[in-house]
Amino acid sequence: MNIRSYLMALCLVVTLAGCSSSASKQNSSTTGDAGTENTANCKYTCTMHPKVCSDKPGLCPKCGMDLVEKE
């Protein structure tokens, strides 16, 4: 196996590992308190994702921005 083949295989493995890690992070972040659309306890929301609701301050599970208090 020459160096070029080795580098191509390494790039492929790193790319696939990154995609897999990103997908699992996205799935796990949508299972927390924030993200549920329960309007009774919805005191905080994301400015970029208004359907994200939380009863306490924190981070948006979709984009990581700070949740802001609803008016």
PDB file of N, CA and C in Angstrom:
ATOM      1  N   MET A   1       0.852  -1.172   0.000  1.00  0.00           N
ATOM      2  CA  MET A   1       0.000   0.000   0.000  1.00  0.00           C
ATOM      3  C   MET A   1       0.897   1.234   0.000  1.00  0.00           C
ATOM      4  N   ASN A   2       0.740   2.065  -0.991  1.00  0.00           N
ATOM      5  CA  ASN A   2       1.592   3.246  -1.062  1.00  0.00           C
ATOM      6  C   ASN A   2       1.023   4.371  -0.185  1.00  0.00           C
ATOM      7  N   ILE A   3       1.767   5.427  -0.035  1.00  0.00           N
ATOM      8  CA  ILE A   3       1.406   6.525   0.866  1.00  0.00           C
ATOM      9  C   ILE A   3       0.125   7.227   0.411  1.00  0.00           C
ATOM     10  N   ARG A   4      -0.091   7.330  -0.881  1.00  0.00           N
ATOM     11  CA  ARG A   4      -1.282   8.004  -1.398  1.00  0.00           C
ATOM     12  C   ARG A   4      -2.533   7.217  -1.039  1.00  0.00           C
ATOM     13  N   SER A   5      -2.500   5.922  -1.198  1.00  0.00           N
ATOM     14  CA  SER A   5      -3.643   5.082  -0.838  1.00  0.00           C
ATOM     15  C   SER A   5      -3.910   5.151   0.660  1.00  0.00           C
ATOM     16  N   TYR A   6      -2.855   5.152   1.439  1.00  0.00           N
ATOM     17  CA  TYR A   6      -2.988   5.236   2.888  1.00  0.00           C
ATOM     18  C   TYR A   6      -3.657   6.554   3.289  1.00  0.00           C
ATOM     19  N   LEU A   7      -3.232   7.668   2.705  1.00  0.00           N
ATOM     20  CA  LEU A   7      -3.809   8.976   3.029  1.00  0.00           C
ATOM     21  C   LEU A   7      -5.272   9.072   2.599  1.00  0.00           C
ATOM     22  N   MET A   8      -5.599   8.511   1.455  1.00  0.00           N
ATOM     23  CA  MET A   8      -6.991   8.527   0.991  1.00  0.00           C
ATOM     24  C   MET A   8      -7.880   7.717   1.939  1.00  0.00           C
ATOM     25  N   ALA A   9      -7.395   6.572   2.375  1.00  0.00           N
ATOM     26  CA  ALA A   9      -8.154   5.739   3.306  1.00  0.00           C
ATOM     27  C   ALA A   9      -8.314   6.459   4.639  1.00  0.00           C
ATOM     28  N   LEU A  10      -7.283   7.124   5.098  1.00  0.00           N
ATOM     29  CA  LEU A  10      -7.334   7.862   6.351  1.00  0.00           C
ATOM     30  C   LEU A  10      -8.357   9.003   6.266  1.00  0.00           C
ATOM     31  N   CYS A  11      -8.361   9.730   5.170  1.00  0.00           N
ATOM     32  CA  CYS A  11      -9.326  10.813   4.976  1.00  0.00           C
ATOM     33  C   CYS A  11     -10.760  10.280   4.975  1.00  0.00           C
ATOM     34  N   LEU A  12     -10.969   9.147   4.354  1.00  0.00           N
ATOM     35  CA  LEU A  12     -12.295   8.541   4.311  1.00  0.00           C
ATOM     36  C   LEU A  12     -12.760   8.154   5.709  1.00  0.00           C
ATOM     37  N   VAL A  13     -11.884   7.556   6.485  1.00  0.00           N
ATOM     38  CA  VAL A  13     -12.226   7.142   7.851  1.00  0.00           C
ATOM     39  C   VAL A  13     -12.546   8.362   8.714  1.00  0.00           C
ATOM     40  N   VAL A  14     -11.738   9.410   8.616  1.00  0.00           N
ATOM     41  CA  VAL A  14     -11.970  10.619   9.409  1.00  0.00           C
ATOM     42  C   VAL A  14     -13.293  11.272   9.013  1.00  0.00           C
ATOM     43  N   THR A  15     -13.587  11.329   7.731  1.00  0.00           N
ATOM     44  CA  THR A  15     -14.834  11.915   7.259  1.00  0.00           C
ATOM     45  C   THR A  15     -16.035  11.127   7.769  1.00  0.00           C
ATOM     46  N   LEU A  16     -15.988   9.822   7.653  1.00  0.00           N
ATOM     47  CA  LEU A  16     -17.100   9.007   8.122  1.00  0.00           C
ATOM     48  C   LEU A  16     -17.262   9.091   9.632  1.00  0.00           C
ATOM     49  N   ALA A  17     -16.184   9.135  10.366  1.00  0.00           N
ATOM     50  CA  ALA A  17     -16.257   9.258  11.822  1.00  0.00           C
ATOM     51  C   ALA A  17     -16.873  10.599  12.211  1.00  0.00           C
ATOM     52  N   GLY A  18     -16.524  11.653  11.509  1.00  0.00           N
ATOM     53  CA  GLY A  18     -17.091  12.970  11.789  1.00  0.00           C
ATOM     54  C   GLY A  18     -18.576  13.023  11.517  1.00  0.00           C
ATOM     55  N   CYS A  19     -19.016  12.414  10.441  1.00  0.00           N
ATOM     56  CA  CYS A  19     -20.441  12.385  10.115  1.00  0.00           C
ATOM     57  C   CYS A  19     -21.212  11.579  11.148  1.00  0.00           C
ATOM     58  N   SER A  20     -20.663  10.475  11.568  1.00  0.00           N
ATOM     59  CA  SER A  20     -21.315   9.634  12.561  1.00  0.00           C
ATOM     60  C   SER A  20     -21.421  10.353  13.895  1.00  0.00           C
ATOM     61  N   SER A  21     -20.374  11.031  14.298  1.00  0.00           N
ATOM     62  CA  SER A  21     -20.356  11.760  15.566  1.00  0.00           C
ATOM     63  C   SER A  21     -21.363  12.896  15.537  1.00  0.00           C
ATOM     64  N   SER A  22     -21.440  13.612  14.428  1.00  0.00           N
ATOM     65  CA  SER A  22     -22.376  14.720  14.294  1.00  0.00           C
ATOM     66  C   SER A  22     -23.813  14.241  14.372  1.00  0.00           C
ATOM     67  N   ALA A  23     -24.125  13.125  13.743  1.00  0.00           N
ATOM     68  CA  ALA A  23     -25.488  12.603  13.757  1.00  0.00           C
ATOM     69  C   ALA A  23     -25.886  12.151  15.155  1.00  0.00           C
ATOM     70  N   SER A  24     -25.000  11.508  15.892  1.00  0.00           N
ATOM     71  CA  SER A  24     -25.345  11.057  17.232  1.00  0.00           C
ATOM     72  C   SER A  24     -25.482  12.231  18.182  1.00  0.00           C
ATOM     73  N   LYS A  25     -24.691  13.274  18.005  1.00  0.00           N
ATOM     74  CA  LYS A  25     -24.808  14.460  18.846  1.00  0.00           C
ATOM     75  C   LYS A  25     -26.147  15.143  18.601  1.00  0.00           C
ATOM     76  N   GLN A  26     -26.566  15.238  17.346  1.00  0.00           N
ATOM     77  CA  GLN A  26     -27.823  15.879  17.017  1.00  0.00           C
ATOM     78  C   GLN A  26     -28.986  15.098  17.592  1.00  0.00           C
ATOM     79  N   ASN A  27     -28.959  13.780  17.506  1.00  0.00           N
ATOM     80  CA  ASN A  27     -30.039  12.971  18.057  1.00  0.00           C
ATOM     81  C   ASN A  27     -30.103  13.078  19.561  1.00  0.00           C
ATOM     82  N   SER A  28     -28.982  13.105  20.252  1.00  0.00           N
ATOM     83  CA  SER A  28     -28.992  13.168  21.706  1.00  0.00           C
ATOM     84  C   SER A  28     -29.390  14.548  22.202  1.00  0.00           C
ATOM     85  N   SER A  29     -29.127  15.592  21.421  1.00  0.00           N
ATOM     86  CA  SER A  29     -29.459  16.936  21.884  1.00  0.00           C
ATOM     87  C   SER A  29     -30.940  17.235  21.781  1.00  0.00           C
ATOM     88  N   THR A  30     -31.703  16.477  21.017  1.00  0.00           N
ATOM     89  CA  THR A  30     -33.124  16.747  20.885  1.00  0.00           C
ATOM     90  C   THR A  30     -33.949  16.007  21.920  1.00  0.00           C
ATOM     91  N   THR A  31     -33.322  15.289  22.848  1.00  0.00           N
ATOM     92  CA  THR A  31     -34.069  14.527  23.836  1.00  0.00           C
ATOM     93  C   THR A  31     -34.052  15.165  25.218  1.00  0.00           C
ATOM     94  N   GLY A  32     -33.611  16.410  25.347  1.00  0.00           N
ATOM     95  CA  GLY A  32     -33.554  17.070  26.640  1.00  0.00           C
ATOM     96  C   GLY A  32     -34.829  17.818  26.964  1.00  0.00           C
ATOM     97  N   ASP A  33     -34.799  18.662  28.025  1.00  0.00           N
ATOM     98  CA  ASP A  33     -35.956  19.453  28.409  1.00  0.00           C
ATOM     99  C   ASP A  33     -36.319  20.461  27.327  1.00  0.00           C
ATOM    100  N   ALA A  34     -35.317  21.175  26.824  1.00  0.00           N
ATOM    101  CA  ALA A  34     -35.567  22.149  25.772  1.00  0.00           C
ATOM    102  C   ALA A  34     -35.883  21.401  24.493  1.00  0.00           C
ATOM    103  N   GLY A  35     -36.768  21.972  23.700  1.00  0.00           N
ATOM    104  CA  GLY A  35     -37.111  21.327  22.445  1.00  0.00           C
ATOM    105  C   GLY A  35     -38.539  20.838  22.444  1.00  0.00           C
ATOM    106  N   THR A  36     -39.126  20.693  23.603  1.00  0.00           N
ATOM    107  CA  THR A  36     -40.520  20.280  23.651  1.00  0.00           C
ATOM    108  C   THR A  36     -41.398  21.504  23.473  1.00  0.00           C
ATOM    109  N   GLU A  37     -42.484  21.334  22.805  1.00  0.00           N
ATOM    110  CA  GLU A  37     -43.355  22.464  22.510  1.00  0.00           C
ATOM    111  C   GLU A  37     -44.529  22.496  23.474  1.00  0.00           C
ATOM    112  N   ASN A  38     -44.234  22.522  24.770  1.00  0.00           N
ATOM    113  CA  ASN A  38     -45.247  22.600  25.804  1.00  0.00           C
ATOM    114  C   ASN A  38     -45.398  24.070  26.163  1.00  0.00           C
ATOM    115  N   THR A  39     -46.456  24.718  25.688  1.00  0.00           N
ATOM    116  CA  THR A  39     -46.595  26.159  25.862  1.00  0.00           C
ATOM    117  C   THR A  39     -46.925  26.549  27.293  1.00  0.00           C
ATOM    118  N   ALA A  40     -47.425  25.632  28.128  1.00  0.00           N
ATOM    119  CA  ALA A  40     -47.742  25.953  29.511  1.00  0.00           C
ATOM    120  C   ALA A  40     -46.479  26.284  30.302  1.00  0.00           C
ATOM    121  N   ASN A  41     -45.385  25.577  30.057  1.00  0.00           N
ATOM    122  CA  ASN A  41     -44.126  25.798  30.776  1.00  0.00           C
ATOM    123  C   ASN A  41     -43.096  26.521  29.928  1.00  0.00           C
ATOM    124  N   CYS A  42     -43.498  27.076  28.826  1.00  0.00           N
ATOM    125  CA  CYS A  42     -42.557  27.698  27.901  1.00  0.00           C
ATOM    126  C   CYS A  42     -42.259  29.127  28.337  1.00  0.00           C
ATOM    127  N   LYS A  43     -41.166  29.286  29.102  1.00  0.00           N
ATOM    128  CA  LYS A  43     -40.745  30.612  29.552  1.00  0.00           C
ATOM    129  C   LYS A  43     -39.559  31.128  28.748  1.00  0.00           C
ATOM    130  N   TYR A  44     -38.778  30.188  28.184  1.00  0.00           N
ATOM    131  CA  TYR A  44     -37.581  30.548  27.426  1.00  0.00           C
ATOM    132  C   TYR A  44     -37.630  29.901  26.052  1.00  0.00           C
ATOM    133  N   THR A  45     -37.120  30.613  25.050  1.00  0.00           N
ATOM    134  CA  THR A  45     -37.121  30.107  23.683  1.00  0.00           C
ATOM    135  C   THR A  45     -35.869  30.574  22.954  1.00  0.00           C
ATOM    136  N   CYS A  46     -35.615  29.990  21.818  1.00  0.00           N
ATOM    137  CA  CYS A  46     -34.483  30.373  20.975  1.00  0.00           C
ATOM    138  C   CYS A  46     -34.950  31.392  19.947  1.00  0.00           C
ATOM    139  N   THR A  47     -34.153  32.416  19.719  1.00  0.00           N
ATOM    140  CA  THR A  47     -34.534  33.425  18.734  1.00  0.00           C
ATOM    141  C   THR A  47     -34.490  32.882  17.312  1.00  0.00           C
ATOM    142  N   MET A  48     -33.656  31.868  17.071  1.00  0.00           N
ATOM    143  CA  MET A  48     -33.567  31.278  15.740  1.00  0.00           C
ATOM    144  C   MET A  48     -34.540  30.116  15.548  1.00  0.00           C
ATOM    145  N   HIS A  49     -34.948  29.472  16.626  1.00  0.00           N
ATOM    146  CA  HIS A  49     -35.840  28.317  16.566  1.00  0.00           C
ATOM    147  C   HIS A  49     -36.983  28.523  17.560  1.00  0.00           C
ATOM    148  N   PRO A  50     -38.009  29.284  17.187  1.00  0.00           N
ATOM    149  CA  PRO A  50     -39.083  29.639  18.133  1.00  0.00           C
ATOM    150  C   PRO A  50     -39.893  28.450  18.657  1.00  0.00           C
ATOM    151  N   LYS A  51     -39.805  27.296  18.025  1.00  0.00           N
ATOM    152  CA  LYS A  51     -40.519  26.122  18.528  1.00  0.00           C
ATOM    153  C   LYS A  51     -39.804  25.467  19.705  1.00  0.00           C
ATOM    154  N   VAL A  52     -38.549  25.855  19.941  1.00  0.00           N
ATOM    155  CA  VAL A  52     -37.802  25.321  21.082  1.00  0.00           C
ATOM    156  C   VAL A  52     -38.275  26.060  22.329  1.00  0.00           C
ATOM    157  N   CYS A  53     -38.758  25.297  23.314  1.00  0.00           N
ATOM    158  CA  CYS A  53     -39.279  25.878  24.549  1.00  0.00           C
ATOM    159  C   CYS A  53     -38.622  25.215  25.750  1.00  0.00           C
ATOM    160  N   SER A  54     -38.465  26.002  26.816  1.00  0.00           N
ATOM    161  CA  SER A  54     -37.914  25.477  28.058  1.00  0.00           C
ATOM    162  C   SER A  54     -38.492  26.267  29.219  1.00  0.00           C
ATOM    163  N   ASP A  55     -38.579  25.621  30.373  1.00  0.00           N
ATOM    164  CA  ASP A  55     -39.061  26.316  31.560  1.00  0.00           C
ATOM    165  C   ASP A  55     -37.916  26.978  32.328  1.00  0.00           C
ATOM    166  N   LYS A  56     -36.674  26.793  31.856  1.00  0.00           N
ATOM    167  CA  LYS A  56     -35.506  27.394  32.509  1.00  0.00           C
ATOM    168  C   LYS A  56     -34.519  27.850  31.446  1.00  0.00           C
ATOM    169  N   PRO A  57     -33.631  28.806  31.787  1.00  0.00           N
ATOM    170  CA  PRO A  57     -32.636  29.256  30.810  1.00  0.00           C
ATOM    171  C   PRO A  57     -31.664  28.134  30.475  1.00  0.00           C
ATOM    172  N   GLY A  58     -31.062  28.242  29.311  1.00  0.00           N
ATOM    173  CA  GLY A  58     -30.103  27.232  28.878  1.00  0.00           C
ATOM    174  C   GLY A  58     -29.677  27.497  27.449  1.00  0.00           C
ATOM    175  N   LEU A  59     -29.296  26.432  26.743  1.00  0.00           N
ATOM    176  CA  LEU A  59     -28.850  26.537  25.360  1.00  0.00           C
ATOM    177  C   LEU A  59     -29.834  25.835  24.441  1.00  0.00           C
ATOM    178  N   CYS A  60     -29.991  26.355  23.243  1.00  0.00           N
ATOM    179  CA  CYS A  60     -30.834  25.733  22.235  1.00  0.00           C
ATOM    180  C   CYS A  60     -30.201  24.408  21.802  1.00  0.00           C
ATOM    181  N   PRO A  61     -30.973  23.324  21.810  1.00  0.00           N
ATOM    182  CA  PRO A  61     -30.412  22.041  21.399  1.00  0.00           C
ATOM    183  C   PRO A  61     -30.126  21.957  19.900  1.00  0.00           C
ATOM    184  N   LYS A  62     -30.681  22.862  19.128  1.00  0.00           N
ATOM    185  CA  LYS A  62     -30.475  22.824  17.682  1.00  0.00           C
ATOM    186  C   LYS A  62     -29.260  23.630  17.238  1.00  0.00           C
ATOM    187  N   CYS A  63     -29.053  24.820  17.855  1.00  0.00           N
ATOM    188  CA  CYS A  63     -27.963  25.670  17.374  1.00  0.00           C
ATOM    189  C   CYS A  63     -26.980  26.075  18.465  1.00  0.00           C
ATOM    190  N   GLY A  64     -27.310  25.837  19.720  1.00  0.00           N
ATOM    191  CA  GLY A  64     -26.391  26.154  20.800  1.00  0.00           C
ATOM    192  C   GLY A  64     -26.463  27.595  21.299  1.00  0.00           C
ATOM    193  N   MET A  65     -27.365  28.400  20.746  1.00  0.00           N
ATOM    194  CA  MET A  65     -27.505  29.782  21.216  1.00  0.00           C
ATOM    195  C   MET A  65     -28.203  29.802  22.574  1.00  0.00           C
ATOM    196  N   ASP A  66     -28.011  30.899  23.325  1.00  0.00           N
ATOM    197  CA  ASP A  66     -28.690  31.051  24.604  1.00  0.00           C
ATOM    198  C   ASP A  66     -30.190  31.189  24.389  1.00  0.00           C
ATOM    199  N   LEU A  67     -30.957  30.530  25.250  1.00  0.00           N
ATOM    200  CA  LEU A  67     -32.402  30.706  25.224  1.00  0.00           C
ATOM    201  C   LEU A  67     -32.720  32.033  25.897  1.00  0.00           C
ATOM    202  N   VAL A  68     -33.698  32.774  25.358  1.00  0.00           N
ATOM    203  CA  VAL A  68     -34.083  34.071  25.900  1.00  0.00           C
ATOM    204  C   VAL A  68     -35.494  33.978  26.481  1.00  0.00           C
ATOM    205  N   GLU A  69     -35.768  34.832  27.441  1.00  0.00           N
ATOM    206  CA  GLU A  69     -37.076  34.840  28.086  1.00  0.00           C
ATOM    207  C   GLU A  69     -38.135  35.333  27.108  1.00  0.00           C
ATOM    208  N   LYS A  70     -39.264  34.627  27.074  1.00  0.00           N
ATOM    209  CA  LYS A  70     -40.360  35.041  26.187  1.00  0.00           C
ATOM    210  C   LYS A  70     -41.021  36.280  26.753  1.00  0.00           C
ATOM    211  N   GLU A  71     -41.554  37.085  25.862  1.00  0.00           N
ATOM    212  CA  GLU A  71     -42.243  38.307  26.287  1.00  0.00           C
ATOM    213  C   GLU A  71     -43.685  38.036  26.611  1.00  0.00           C
TER     214      GLU A  71
END
